[in-house]
Structure formats: C-alpha cells, structure tokens
Amino acid sequence: MREKIETSGRDQRWEFDKRRLFDRTNYMAMRCSDIIEASQALDHFNNIMGPQLKAVTGDAVAIDSVLKRVEHLVLPLEAIPFDLFDKRFQASWDAVMHRFRTDVTEIEEMTKSFINASFKTLRSAEGAFDVLTHFTELASRDSLNKQVMEKFIDILHQFMKEVDGIRVIFDANKDNPPSSKNQTPVAGAVQWSR
C-alpha cells in the first residue's frame, strides 16, 4: 500500500510505525512457530518409536515407557493458564518452551541409548534392515535419524552371525542331509540345501 501511495505521486510519503503495526502479529507468528516445533517433535518421536521398532527389538515395554514420556510432553502446553498470544506473558511462555525443549533433549537421549542397546541384541538382520529403510522414509528428529543410520554396522554384524550359524548347520549336515519320508535322497538333499 505504501508503494502504491508513493508511486501515484498525488499524496505525500506515507510513513508508518512498523513496530506498532506488526509487533503483535510478529509475536503471534513466533508463538505459532513454537507450536509447530512442539507438534513436529511429538510426531517425530511417534514415528520412530512405532510398531516396527517394537517388532525388531522385541522390547515393547521400553518403547511404551518412552512413548508415555512423549505423551506427557504436551501436558504443560495444553494447560497454560494464560493467553499464549499476549506478549505480557512472554516470560511465562519462554519458561514453558524451555522446559519442553529440555524434556525433548532428555527423551532424545533415552531413545538414542535404547536404540544403541537394541541394535546390539538384534533378533534378525533382515527385520532390522527393513526398519532402517523405513526410517529413511519417515520424518524424524535429525539426531535420531543419524543415530539409526549408524546402526548399519550392527546389522552387518548380525547378518554375519546368521550366515555363520547357517554355515555351521550346513557343514554339520552336508554329508548326510535330512530329508522327508516321501523324498528321494537327491531331492531331499536339494530341498535341504535350499
């Protein structure tokens, strides 16, 4: 509007106080970005701590305890006793967000240590690999994504254990492979080797 008035040439220059016009809306925009940050953090934790991680790690109790802490993150945000968009309460809101960010950092550390412990005792290399490829598609916290991507080495170690276990079974039975009653020795040996 200012540009339109100034370029028309018929009116004088239009000066206005930007702070007076935009201070409240800028403050509201900052609070909205805080709410977006909080909702993204909750979404990221729920994405990474889903049923696939439970299936691979087999530790549903630990995952559920982390998810319960994630659910408790939102309680202080829902129960604020003041107007979020009123600048008079900025110090109170900053304290709430500081506590939220501190809790998020603690949950991130819990999740990282859980992931470290879980990937050391993998049940299946294939399942863990599927989870990692699924995590690459999910939106999650950057530090957790980085942590999960470092687990490829643990998956390779688990894969090597599985291959060594199969080799031991193969070597033990390669000279006299077990077969079903209705199979010829050659057909039974071929099926067993597969």
N, C-alpha and C. Protein backbone atom coordinates (compact mmCIF):
# COMPACT_ATOMS: atom_id res chain seq x y z
N MET A 1 0.84 -1.18 0.00
CA MET A 1 0.00 0.00 0.00
C MET A 1 0.88 1.25 0.00
N ARG A 2 1.96 1.19 0.80
CA ARG A 2 2.87 2.32 0.86
C ARG A 2 3.46 2.59 -0.52
N GLU A 3 3.88 1.54 -1.18
CA GLU A 3 4.47 1.68 -2.51
C GLU A 3 3.46 2.26 -3.49
N LYS A 4 2.22 1.84 -3.40
CA LYS A 4 1.18 2.34 -4.29
C LYS A 4 0.94 3.84 -4.07
N ILE A 5 0.90 4.27 -2.81
CA ILE A 5 0.69 5.68 -2.49
C ILE A 5 1.86 6.53 -2.98
N GLU A 6 3.08 6.03 -2.76
CA GLU A 6 4.26 6.81 -3.14
C GLU A 6 4.43 6.89 -4.65
N THR A 7 4.07 5.85 -5.38
CA THR A 7 4.24 5.88 -6.84
C THR A 7 3.14 6.66 -7.54
N SER A 8 2.00 6.86 -6.86
CA SER A 8 0.92 7.62 -7.51
C SER A 8 1.29 9.09 -7.65
N GLY A 9 2.10 9.61 -6.74
CA GLY A 9 2.57 10.97 -6.84
C GLY A 9 1.60 12.02 -6.34
N ARG A 10 0.39 11.68 -6.05
CA ARG A 10 -0.55 12.71 -5.61
C ARG A 10 -0.55 12.89 -4.10
N ASP A 11 -0.14 11.89 -3.37
CA ASP A 11 -0.09 12.03 -1.91
C ASP A 11 1.34 12.13 -1.45
N GLN A 12 1.48 12.60 -0.23
CA GLN A 12 2.81 12.69 0.34
C GLN A 12 3.29 11.30 0.73
N ARG A 13 4.55 11.26 1.07
CA ARG A 13 5.13 10.00 1.51
C ARG A 13 4.39 9.50 2.74
N TRP A 14 4.11 8.19 2.74
CA TRP A 14 3.36 7.60 3.85
C TRP A 14 4.33 6.91 4.80
N GLU A 15 4.53 7.47 5.94
CA GLU A 15 5.39 6.88 6.97
C GLU A 15 4.50 6.20 8.00
N PHE A 16 4.95 5.06 8.46
CA PHE A 16 4.18 4.36 9.48
C PHE A 16 5.14 3.67 10.44
N ASP A 17 4.66 3.41 11.61
CA ASP A 17 5.45 2.74 12.65
C ASP A 17 5.30 1.23 12.46
N LYS A 18 6.35 0.59 11.94
CA LYS A 18 6.29 -0.85 11.68
C LYS A 18 6.07 -1.64 12.97
N ARG A 19 6.69 -1.18 14.03
CA ARG A 19 6.54 -1.89 15.30
C ARG A 19 5.09 -1.86 15.76
N ARG A 20 4.46 -0.73 15.63
CA ARG A 20 3.08 -0.61 16.08
C ARG A 20 2.14 -1.46 15.21
N LEU A 21 2.42 -1.52 13.92
CA LEU A 21 1.56 -2.29 13.03
C LEU A 21 1.79 -3.80 13.11
N PHE A 22 3.05 -4.21 13.23
CA PHE A 22 3.37 -5.62 13.08
C PHE A 22 3.87 -6.31 14.34
N ASP A 23 4.02 -5.60 15.42
CA ASP A 23 4.59 -6.19 16.63
C ASP A 23 3.74 -7.36 17.14
N ARG A 24 2.46 -7.17 17.22
CA ARG A 24 1.58 -8.22 17.74
C ARG A 24 1.54 -9.43 16.80
N THR A 25 1.43 -9.17 15.50
CA THR A 25 1.36 -10.29 14.56
C THR A 25 2.69 -11.05 14.48
N ASN A 26 3.80 -10.33 14.58
CA ASN A 26 5.10 -11.00 14.60
C ASN A 26 5.24 -11.87 15.84
N TYR A 27 4.76 -11.37 16.98
CA TYR A 27 4.81 -12.15 18.21
C TYR A 27 3.93 -13.40 18.06
N MET A 28 2.75 -13.24 17.49
CA MET A 28 1.86 -14.39 17.28
C MET A 28 2.51 -15.40 16.33
N ALA A 29 3.20 -14.93 15.32
CA ALA A 29 3.88 -15.83 14.38
C ALA A 29 4.99 -16.62 15.09
N MET A 30 5.70 -15.96 16.01
CA MET A 30 6.74 -16.68 16.77
C MET A 30 6.12 -17.77 17.64
N ARG A 31 4.99 -17.48 18.27
CA ARG A 31 4.33 -18.48 19.11
C ARG A 31 3.81 -19.63 18.25
N CYS A 32 3.32 -19.31 17.08
CA CYS A 32 2.86 -20.37 16.17
C CYS A 32 4.02 -21.26 15.74
N SER A 33 5.18 -20.66 15.51
CA SER A 33 6.34 -21.48 15.16
C SER A 33 6.76 -22.37 16.33
N ASP A 34 6.58 -21.88 17.57
CA ASP A 34 6.85 -22.73 18.74
C ASP A 34 5.90 -23.92 18.78
N ILE A 35 4.64 -23.68 18.47
CA ILE A 35 3.65 -24.77 18.46
C ILE A 35 3.97 -25.77 17.36
N ILE A 36 4.40 -25.27 16.20
CA ILE A 36 4.80 -26.17 15.11
C ILE A 36 5.99 -27.01 15.54
N GLU A 37 6.97 -26.38 16.19
CA GLU A 37 8.14 -27.11 16.69
C GLU A 37 7.71 -28.23 17.64
N ALA A 38 6.79 -27.92 18.54
CA ALA A 38 6.33 -28.92 19.51
C ALA A 38 5.59 -30.07 18.81
N SER A 39 4.73 -29.73 17.86
CA SER A 39 3.97 -30.79 17.18
C SER A 39 4.89 -31.65 16.32
N GLN A 40 5.90 -31.06 15.71
CA GLN A 40 6.85 -31.85 14.92
C GLN A 40 7.66 -32.78 15.81
N ALA A 41 8.06 -32.30 16.99
CA ALA A 41 8.81 -33.15 17.91
C ALA A 41 7.97 -34.36 18.32
N LEU A 42 6.71 -34.11 18.65
CA LEU A 42 5.82 -35.21 19.04
C LEU A 42 5.64 -36.19 17.88
N ASP A 43 5.43 -35.66 16.69
CA ASP A 43 5.25 -36.51 15.51
C ASP A 43 6.50 -37.33 15.23
N HIS A 44 7.66 -36.73 15.34
CA HIS A 44 8.91 -37.44 15.07
C HIS A 44 9.12 -38.58 16.05
N PHE A 45 8.87 -38.32 17.33
CA PHE A 45 9.03 -39.39 18.32
C PHE A 45 8.05 -40.53 18.06
N ASN A 46 6.81 -40.18 17.74
CA ASN A 46 5.82 -41.22 17.48
C ASN A 46 6.16 -42.01 16.22
N ASN A 47 6.76 -41.37 15.23
CA ASN A 47 7.17 -42.07 14.02
C ASN A 47 8.25 -43.10 14.30
N ILE A 48 9.27 -42.68 15.03
CA ILE A 48 10.42 -43.57 15.22
C ILE A 48 10.14 -44.66 16.23
N MET A 49 9.28 -44.40 17.20
CA MET A 49 9.01 -45.39 18.25
C MET A 49 7.73 -46.17 17.93
N GLY A 50 7.59 -46.58 16.71
CA GLY A 50 6.37 -47.25 16.29
C GLY A 50 6.44 -48.77 16.40
N PRO A 51 5.47 -49.44 15.84
CA PRO A 51 5.39 -50.89 15.96
C PRO A 51 6.53 -51.63 15.26
N GLN A 52 7.11 -51.02 14.22
CA GLN A 52 8.22 -51.71 13.55
C GLN A 52 9.44 -51.82 14.46
N LEU A 53 9.73 -50.76 15.22
CA LEU A 53 10.85 -50.83 16.15
C LEU A 53 10.56 -51.85 17.24
N LYS A 54 9.31 -51.94 17.67
CA LYS A 54 8.93 -52.95 18.68
C LYS A 54 9.17 -54.35 18.13
N ALA A 55 8.82 -54.56 16.87
CA ALA A 55 8.96 -55.89 16.28
C ALA A 55 10.43 -56.30 16.17
N VAL A 56 11.28 -55.35 15.81
CA VAL A 56 12.69 -55.69 15.62
C VAL A 56 13.41 -55.88 16.96
N THR A 57 13.14 -54.98 17.89
CA THR A 57 13.87 -55.04 19.16
C THR A 57 13.26 -56.03 20.13
N GLY A 58 11.95 -56.22 20.06
CA GLY A 58 11.29 -57.12 20.99
C GLY A 58 11.12 -56.55 22.38
N ASP A 59 11.40 -55.26 22.54
CA ASP A 59 11.31 -54.62 23.85
C ASP A 59 10.18 -53.59 23.84
N ALA A 60 8.96 -54.07 23.84
CA ALA A 60 7.80 -53.18 23.77
C ALA A 60 7.65 -52.36 25.05
N VAL A 61 8.09 -52.89 26.17
CA VAL A 61 7.94 -52.18 27.45
C VAL A 61 8.78 -50.90 27.45
N ALA A 62 10.02 -50.99 26.99
CA ALA A 62 10.88 -49.80 26.96
C ALA A 62 10.35 -48.77 25.97
N ILE A 63 9.86 -49.22 24.83
CA ILE A 63 9.32 -48.30 23.84
C ILE A 63 8.07 -47.62 24.38
N ASP A 64 7.21 -48.38 25.05
CA ASP A 64 6.00 -47.80 25.63
C ASP A 64 6.32 -46.79 26.72
N SER A 65 7.38 -47.03 27.49
CA SER A 65 7.75 -46.05 28.52
C SER A 65 8.24 -44.75 27.90
N VAL A 66 8.98 -44.85 26.80
CA VAL A 66 9.42 -43.63 26.10
C VAL A 66 8.22 -42.92 25.50
N LEU A 67 7.30 -43.66 24.91
CA LEU A 67 6.10 -43.05 24.34
C LEU A 67 5.23 -42.38 25.40
N LYS A 68 5.20 -42.94 26.60
CA LYS A 68 4.45 -42.31 27.69
C LYS A 68 5.08 -40.96 28.05
N ARG A 69 6.41 -40.91 28.06
CA ARG A 69 7.08 -39.63 28.31
C ARG A 69 6.79 -38.63 27.20
N VAL A 70 6.69 -39.12 25.97
CA VAL A 70 6.36 -38.24 24.84
C VAL A 70 4.95 -37.68 25.01
N GLU A 71 4.02 -38.52 25.44
CA GLU A 71 2.66 -38.05 25.68
C GLU A 71 2.61 -36.97 26.76
N HIS A 72 3.47 -37.11 27.76
CA HIS A 72 3.49 -36.13 28.86
C HIS A 72 4.11 -34.80 28.43
N LEU A 73 4.81 -34.79 27.31
CA LEU A 73 5.39 -33.54 26.82
C LEU A 73 4.33 -32.48 26.54
N VAL A 74 3.21 -32.91 26.05
CA VAL A 74 2.19 -31.97 25.61
C VAL A 74 1.36 -31.41 26.77
N LEU A 75 1.36 -32.06 27.91
CA LEU A 75 0.51 -31.62 29.02
C LEU A 75 0.77 -30.18 29.47
N PRO A 76 2.03 -29.75 29.66
CA PRO A 76 2.23 -28.35 30.05
C PRO A 76 1.78 -27.36 28.98
N LEU A 77 1.86 -27.76 27.72
CA LEU A 77 1.43 -26.87 26.65
C LEU A 77 -0.08 -26.73 26.61
N GLU A 78 -0.77 -27.80 26.94
CA GLU A 78 -2.23 -27.76 26.93
C GLU A 78 -2.80 -27.01 28.14
N ALA A 79 -2.07 -27.01 29.23
CA ALA A 79 -2.60 -26.48 30.49
C ALA A 79 -2.07 -25.09 30.84
N ILE A 80 -1.60 -24.32 29.87
CA ILE A 80 -1.09 -23.00 30.22
C ILE A 80 -2.24 -22.10 30.69
N PRO A 81 -2.05 -21.40 31.80
CA PRO A 81 -3.14 -20.61 32.37
C PRO A 81 -3.20 -19.18 31.85
N PHE A 82 -2.56 -18.91 30.74
CA PHE A 82 -2.52 -17.54 30.21
C PHE A 82 -2.76 -17.58 28.72
N ASP A 83 -2.96 -16.38 28.16
CA ASP A 83 -3.17 -16.25 26.72
C ASP A 83 -1.82 -16.37 26.02
N LEU A 84 -1.68 -17.38 25.24
CA LEU A 84 -0.43 -17.66 24.54
C LEU A 84 0.01 -16.50 23.66
N PHE A 85 -0.94 -15.80 23.06
CA PHE A 85 -0.62 -14.74 22.11
C PHE A 85 -0.56 -13.35 22.74
N ASP A 86 -0.62 -13.26 24.05
CA ASP A 86 -0.49 -11.99 24.76
C ASP A 86 0.97 -11.80 25.13
N LYS A 87 1.57 -10.74 24.65
CA LYS A 87 3.00 -10.52 24.84
C LYS A 87 3.37 -10.29 26.31
N ARG A 88 2.41 -9.94 27.13
CA ARG A 88 2.70 -9.74 28.55
C ARG A 88 3.16 -11.04 29.21
N PHE A 89 2.78 -12.17 28.64
CA PHE A 89 3.12 -13.46 29.22
C PHE A 89 4.29 -14.14 28.50
N GLN A 90 5.09 -13.35 27.82
CA GLN A 90 6.21 -13.91 27.06
C GLN A 90 7.18 -14.66 27.96
N ALA A 91 7.50 -14.13 29.11
CA ALA A 91 8.44 -14.80 30.02
C ALA A 91 7.88 -16.16 30.47
N SER A 92 6.60 -16.20 30.74
CA SER A 92 5.98 -17.47 31.16
C SER A 92 6.03 -18.49 30.02
N TRP A 93 5.71 -18.03 28.81
CA TRP A 93 5.75 -18.94 27.66
C TRP A 93 7.17 -19.41 27.38
N ASP A 94 8.14 -18.50 27.50
CA ASP A 94 9.53 -18.90 27.29
C ASP A 94 9.95 -19.97 28.29
N ALA A 95 9.47 -19.87 29.53
CA ALA A 95 9.78 -20.88 30.54
C ALA A 95 9.15 -22.23 30.17
N VAL A 96 7.91 -22.20 29.67
CA VAL A 96 7.24 -23.43 29.26
C VAL A 96 8.00 -24.08 28.10
N MET A 97 8.40 -23.28 27.13
CA MET A 97 9.12 -23.83 25.97
C MET A 97 10.52 -24.31 26.35
N HIS A 98 11.16 -23.63 27.28
CA HIS A 98 12.48 -24.09 27.75
C HIS A 98 12.35 -25.47 28.38
N ARG A 99 11.33 -25.65 29.21
CA ARG A 99 11.10 -26.95 29.84
C ARG A 99 10.76 -28.01 28.79
N PHE A 100 9.97 -27.63 27.80
CA PHE A 100 9.63 -28.56 26.72
C PHE A 100 10.89 -29.00 25.99
N ARG A 101 11.73 -28.05 25.63
CA ARG A 101 12.96 -28.39 24.90
C ARG A 101 13.90 -29.24 25.74
N THR A 102 13.96 -28.97 27.02
CA THR A 102 14.79 -29.78 27.92
C THR A 102 14.26 -31.22 27.97
N ASP A 103 12.95 -31.36 28.08
CA ASP A 103 12.35 -32.70 28.09
C ASP A 103 12.57 -33.43 26.77
N VAL A 104 12.48 -32.70 25.67
CA VAL A 104 12.72 -33.31 24.36
C VAL A 104 14.16 -33.82 24.27
N THR A 105 15.10 -33.04 24.78
CA THR A 105 16.50 -33.47 24.76
C THR A 105 16.69 -34.73 25.61
N GLU A 106 16.05 -34.79 26.77
CA GLU A 106 16.15 -35.97 27.62
C GLU A 106 15.55 -37.20 26.93
N ILE A 107 14.42 -37.02 26.29
CA ILE A 107 13.79 -38.15 25.58
C ILE A 107 14.64 -38.58 24.40
N GLU A 108 15.26 -37.64 23.72
CA GLU A 108 16.17 -37.98 22.62
C GLU A 108 17.31 -38.84 23.13
N GLU A 109 17.88 -38.47 24.26
CA GLU A 109 19.00 -39.24 24.82
C GLU A 109 18.53 -40.63 25.24
N MET A 110 17.34 -40.72 25.85
CA MET A 110 16.78 -42.04 26.20
C MET A 110 16.59 -42.89 24.96
N THR A 111 16.07 -42.28 23.91
CA THR A 111 15.82 -43.01 22.67
C THR A 111 17.13 -43.47 22.04
N LYS A 112 18.13 -42.60 22.05
CA LYS A 112 19.43 -42.98 21.49
C LYS A 112 20.03 -44.16 22.24
N SER A 113 19.99 -44.11 23.57
CA SER A 113 20.57 -45.22 24.34
C SER A 113 19.76 -46.50 24.13
N PHE A 114 18.44 -46.37 24.01
CA PHE A 114 17.61 -47.54 23.73
C PHE A 114 17.95 -48.13 22.37
N ILE A 115 18.11 -47.28 21.37
CA ILE A 115 18.44 -47.76 20.02
C ILE A 115 19.81 -48.44 20.03
N ASN A 116 20.77 -47.84 20.73
CA ASN A 116 22.10 -48.46 20.83
C ASN A 116 22.02 -49.84 21.45
N ALA A 117 21.29 -49.95 22.56
CA ALA A 117 21.18 -51.24 23.25
C ALA A 117 20.42 -52.25 22.40
N SER A 118 19.37 -51.80 21.74
CA SER A 118 18.53 -52.70 20.97
C SER A 118 19.25 -53.27 19.76
N PHE A 119 20.02 -52.46 19.08
CA PHE A 119 20.68 -52.94 17.89
C PHE A 119 21.90 -53.80 18.20
N LYS A 120 22.31 -53.85 19.46
CA LYS A 120 23.38 -54.77 19.85
C LYS A 120 22.84 -56.19 20.00
N THR A 121 21.55 -56.32 20.31
CA THR A 121 20.93 -57.63 20.50
C THR A 121 19.81 -57.83 19.49
N LEU A 122 20.15 -57.78 18.25
CA LEU A 122 19.14 -57.89 17.19
C LEU A 122 18.61 -59.32 17.09
N ARG A 123 17.33 -59.42 16.75
CA ARG A 123 16.72 -60.73 16.52
C ARG A 123 16.98 -61.18 15.09
N SER A 124 16.88 -60.26 14.14
CA SER A 124 17.00 -60.63 12.73
C SER A 124 17.62 -59.46 11.97
N ALA A 125 18.63 -59.76 11.18
CA ALA A 125 19.27 -58.72 10.38
C ALA A 125 18.32 -58.20 9.31
N GLU A 126 17.52 -59.09 8.76
CA GLU A 126 16.59 -58.67 7.71
C GLU A 126 15.53 -57.71 8.26
N GLY A 127 14.98 -58.04 9.44
CA GLY A 127 13.98 -57.16 10.06
C GLY A 127 14.57 -55.82 10.42
N ALA A 128 15.78 -55.82 10.95
CA ALA A 128 16.44 -54.56 11.31
C ALA A 128 16.72 -53.72 10.07
N PHE A 129 17.14 -54.37 8.99
CA PHE A 129 17.38 -53.64 7.75
C PHE A 129 16.10 -53.02 7.22
N ASP A 130 14.99 -53.76 7.32
CA ASP A 130 13.69 -53.22 6.90
C ASP A 130 13.32 -51.99 7.72
N VAL A 131 13.60 -52.05 9.03
CA VAL A 131 13.30 -50.90 9.89
C VAL A 131 14.14 -49.70 9.48
N LEU A 132 15.41 -49.92 9.21
CA LEU A 132 16.28 -48.81 8.81
C LEU A 132 15.83 -48.20 7.50
N THR A 133 15.44 -49.02 6.56
CA THR A 133 14.97 -48.45 5.29
C THR A 133 13.65 -47.72 5.49
N HIS A 134 12.83 -48.19 6.43
CA HIS A 134 11.58 -47.49 6.75
C HIS A 134 11.88 -46.14 7.40
N PHE A 135 12.90 -46.09 8.26
CA PHE A 135 13.26 -44.83 8.93
C PHE A 135 13.74 -43.78 7.95
N THR A 136 14.35 -44.21 6.86
CA THR A 136 14.81 -43.21 5.88
C THR A 136 13.63 -42.51 5.23
N GLU A 137 12.46 -43.17 5.21
CA GLU A 137 11.28 -42.57 4.62
C GLU A 137 10.51 -41.70 5.61
N LEU A 138 10.74 -41.91 6.91
CA LEU A 138 9.99 -41.19 7.93
C LEU A 138 10.62 -39.84 8.24
N ALA A 139 9.77 -38.91 8.63
CA ALA A 139 10.27 -37.65 9.17
C ALA A 139 10.56 -37.88 10.64
N SER A 140 11.75 -37.60 11.04
CA SER A 140 12.12 -37.81 12.43
C SER A 140 13.15 -36.77 12.83
N ARG A 141 13.49 -36.76 14.10
CA ARG A 141 14.48 -35.83 14.61
C ARG A 141 15.82 -36.14 13.96
N ASP A 142 16.54 -35.10 13.60
CA ASP A 142 17.80 -35.28 12.87
C ASP A 142 18.79 -36.14 13.66
N SER A 143 18.91 -35.88 14.95
CA SER A 143 19.87 -36.63 15.75
C SER A 143 19.48 -38.11 15.83
N LEU A 144 18.18 -38.41 15.87
CA LEU A 144 17.74 -39.80 15.91
C LEU A 144 17.93 -40.47 14.55
N ASN A 145 17.68 -39.75 13.48
CA ASN A 145 17.94 -40.31 12.15
C ASN A 145 19.41 -40.66 11.99
N LYS A 146 20.27 -39.77 12.44
CA LYS A 146 21.71 -40.01 12.35
C LYS A 146 22.08 -41.23 13.18
N GLN A 147 21.53 -41.33 14.37
CA GLN A 147 21.80 -42.46 15.26
C GLN A 147 21.37 -43.78 14.62
N VAL A 148 20.19 -43.79 14.03
CA VAL A 148 19.68 -45.01 13.42
C VAL A 148 20.52 -45.39 12.20
N MET A 149 20.93 -44.42 11.42
CA MET A 149 21.71 -44.71 10.22
C MET A 149 23.10 -45.28 10.57
N GLU A 150 23.58 -44.98 11.76
CA GLU A 150 24.88 -45.54 12.18
C GLU A 150 24.75 -47.01 12.55
N LYS A 151 23.56 -47.54 12.58
CA LYS A 151 23.33 -48.92 13.00
C LYS A 151 23.51 -49.93 11.88
N PHE A 152 23.85 -49.48 10.69
CA PHE A 152 24.09 -50.42 9.60
C PHE A 152 25.22 -51.39 9.95
N ILE A 153 26.21 -50.93 10.68
CA ILE A 153 27.32 -51.79 11.08
C ILE A 153 26.82 -52.91 11.99
N ASP A 154 25.95 -52.57 12.94
CA ASP A 154 25.39 -53.60 13.83
C ASP A 154 24.57 -54.61 13.04
N ILE A 155 23.85 -54.13 12.03
CA ILE A 155 23.06 -55.05 11.20
C ILE A 155 23.99 -55.98 10.42
N LEU A 156 25.08 -55.45 9.92
CA LEU A 156 26.03 -56.31 9.20
C LEU A 156 26.65 -57.35 10.12
N HIS A 157 26.93 -56.97 11.37
CA HIS A 157 27.46 -57.94 12.34
C HIS A 157 26.43 -59.04 12.60
N GLN A 158 25.17 -58.66 12.77
CA GLN A 158 24.10 -59.64 12.98
C GLN A 158 23.97 -60.54 11.76
N PHE A 159 24.06 -59.96 10.57
CA PHE A 159 23.97 -60.75 9.35
C PHE A 159 25.11 -61.77 9.29
N MET A 160 26.30 -61.35 9.67
CA MET A 160 27.44 -62.27 9.67
C MET A 160 27.22 -63.41 10.67
N LYS A 161 26.64 -63.10 11.84
CA LYS A 161 26.33 -64.15 12.82
C LYS A 161 25.34 -65.15 12.23
N GLU A 162 24.32 -64.64 11.55
CA GLU A 162 23.32 -65.52 10.96
C GLU A 162 23.94 -66.38 9.87
N VAL A 163 24.79 -65.81 9.04
CA VAL A 163 25.45 -66.58 7.97
C VAL A 163 26.36 -67.64 8.58
N ASP A 164 27.09 -67.28 9.65
CA ASP A 164 27.96 -68.26 10.31
C ASP A 164 27.14 -69.39 10.93
N GLY A 165 25.98 -69.06 11.51
CA GLY A 165 25.11 -70.10 12.07
C GLY A 165 24.60 -71.05 11.00
N ILE A 166 24.21 -70.51 9.86
CA ILE A 166 23.75 -71.35 8.76
C ILE A 166 24.89 -72.21 8.23
N ARG A 167 26.09 -71.63 8.18
CA ARG A 167 27.25 -72.41 7.70
C ARG A 167 27.53 -73.59 8.63
N VAL A 168 27.42 -73.38 9.94
CA VAL A 168 27.64 -74.47 10.90
C VAL A 168 26.61 -75.58 10.67
N ILE A 169 25.35 -75.21 10.50
CA ILE A 169 24.31 -76.21 10.25
C ILE A 169 24.58 -76.94 8.94
N PHE A 170 24.96 -76.18 7.91
CA PHE A 170 25.23 -76.79 6.61
C PHE A 170 26.41 -77.75 6.69
N ASP A 171 27.50 -77.30 7.32
CA ASP A 171 28.68 -78.14 7.43
C ASP A 171 28.40 -79.41 8.23
N ALA A 172 27.56 -79.32 9.25
CA ALA A 172 27.25 -80.48 10.08
C ALA A 172 26.43 -81.52 9.32
N ASN A 173 25.60 -81.08 8.39
CA ASN A 173 24.68 -82.00 7.71
C ASN A 173 24.92 -82.16 6.21
N LYS A 174 25.99 -81.59 5.68
CA LYS A 174 26.16 -81.63 4.23
C LYS A 174 26.43 -83.04 3.69
N ASP A 175 27.07 -83.90 4.49
CA ASP A 175 27.36 -85.25 4.01
C ASP A 175 26.14 -86.17 4.10
N ASN A 176 25.25 -85.91 5.05
CA ASN A 176 24.05 -86.74 5.21
C ASN A 176 22.87 -85.81 5.51
N PRO A 177 22.35 -85.09 4.49
CA PRO A 177 21.29 -84.12 4.73
C PRO A 177 19.99 -84.79 5.14
N PRO A 178 19.27 -84.19 6.09
CA PRO A 178 17.98 -84.75 6.49
C PRO A 178 16.95 -84.52 5.39
N SER A 179 16.08 -85.49 5.21
CA SER A 179 15.03 -85.34 4.19
C SER A 179 13.74 -85.94 4.72
N SER A 180 12.64 -85.58 4.07
CA SER A 180 11.33 -86.10 4.45
C SER A 180 11.19 -87.55 4.01
N LYS A 181 10.18 -88.22 4.55
CA LYS A 181 9.95 -89.64 4.23
C LYS A 181 9.61 -89.85 2.76
N ASN A 182 8.90 -88.91 2.19
CA ASN A 182 8.43 -89.11 0.82
C ASN A 182 9.38 -88.57 -0.25
N GLN A 183 10.59 -88.25 0.11
CA GLN A 183 11.54 -87.70 -0.87
C GLN A 183 12.67 -88.68 -1.13
N THR A 184 13.15 -88.63 -2.36
CA THR A 184 14.34 -89.40 -2.67
C THR A 184 15.53 -88.71 -2.03
N PRO A 185 16.62 -89.40 -1.84
CA PRO A 185 17.79 -88.77 -1.19
C PRO A 185 18.29 -87.53 -1.92
N VAL A 186 18.29 -87.57 -3.26
CA VAL A 186 18.80 -86.41 -4.02
C VAL A 186 17.83 -85.24 -3.88
N ALA A 187 16.53 -85.49 -4.04
CA ALA A 187 15.54 -84.41 -3.92
C ALA A 187 15.53 -83.83 -2.51
N GLY A 188 15.66 -84.73 -1.50
CA GLY A 188 15.71 -84.26 -0.12
C GLY A 188 16.94 -83.41 0.14
N ALA A 189 18.07 -83.80 -0.44
CA ALA A 189 19.32 -83.04 -0.26
C ALA A 189 19.21 -81.67 -0.92
N VAL A 190 18.60 -81.63 -2.11
CA VAL A 190 18.44 -80.34 -2.80
C VAL A 190 17.51 -79.42 -2.00
N GLN A 191 16.40 -79.98 -1.52
CA GLN A 191 15.48 -79.14 -0.74
C GLN A 191 16.13 -78.67 0.55
N TRP A 192 16.86 -79.55 1.22
CA TRP A 192 17.52 -79.17 2.48
C TRP A 192 18.57 -78.08 2.22
N SER A 193 19.30 -78.15 1.14
CA SER A 193 20.35 -77.15 0.87
C SER A 193 19.73 -75.80 0.60
N ARG A 194 18.54 -75.79 0.02
CA ARG A 194 17.87 -74.50 -0.20
C ARG A 194 17.46 -73.90 1.11
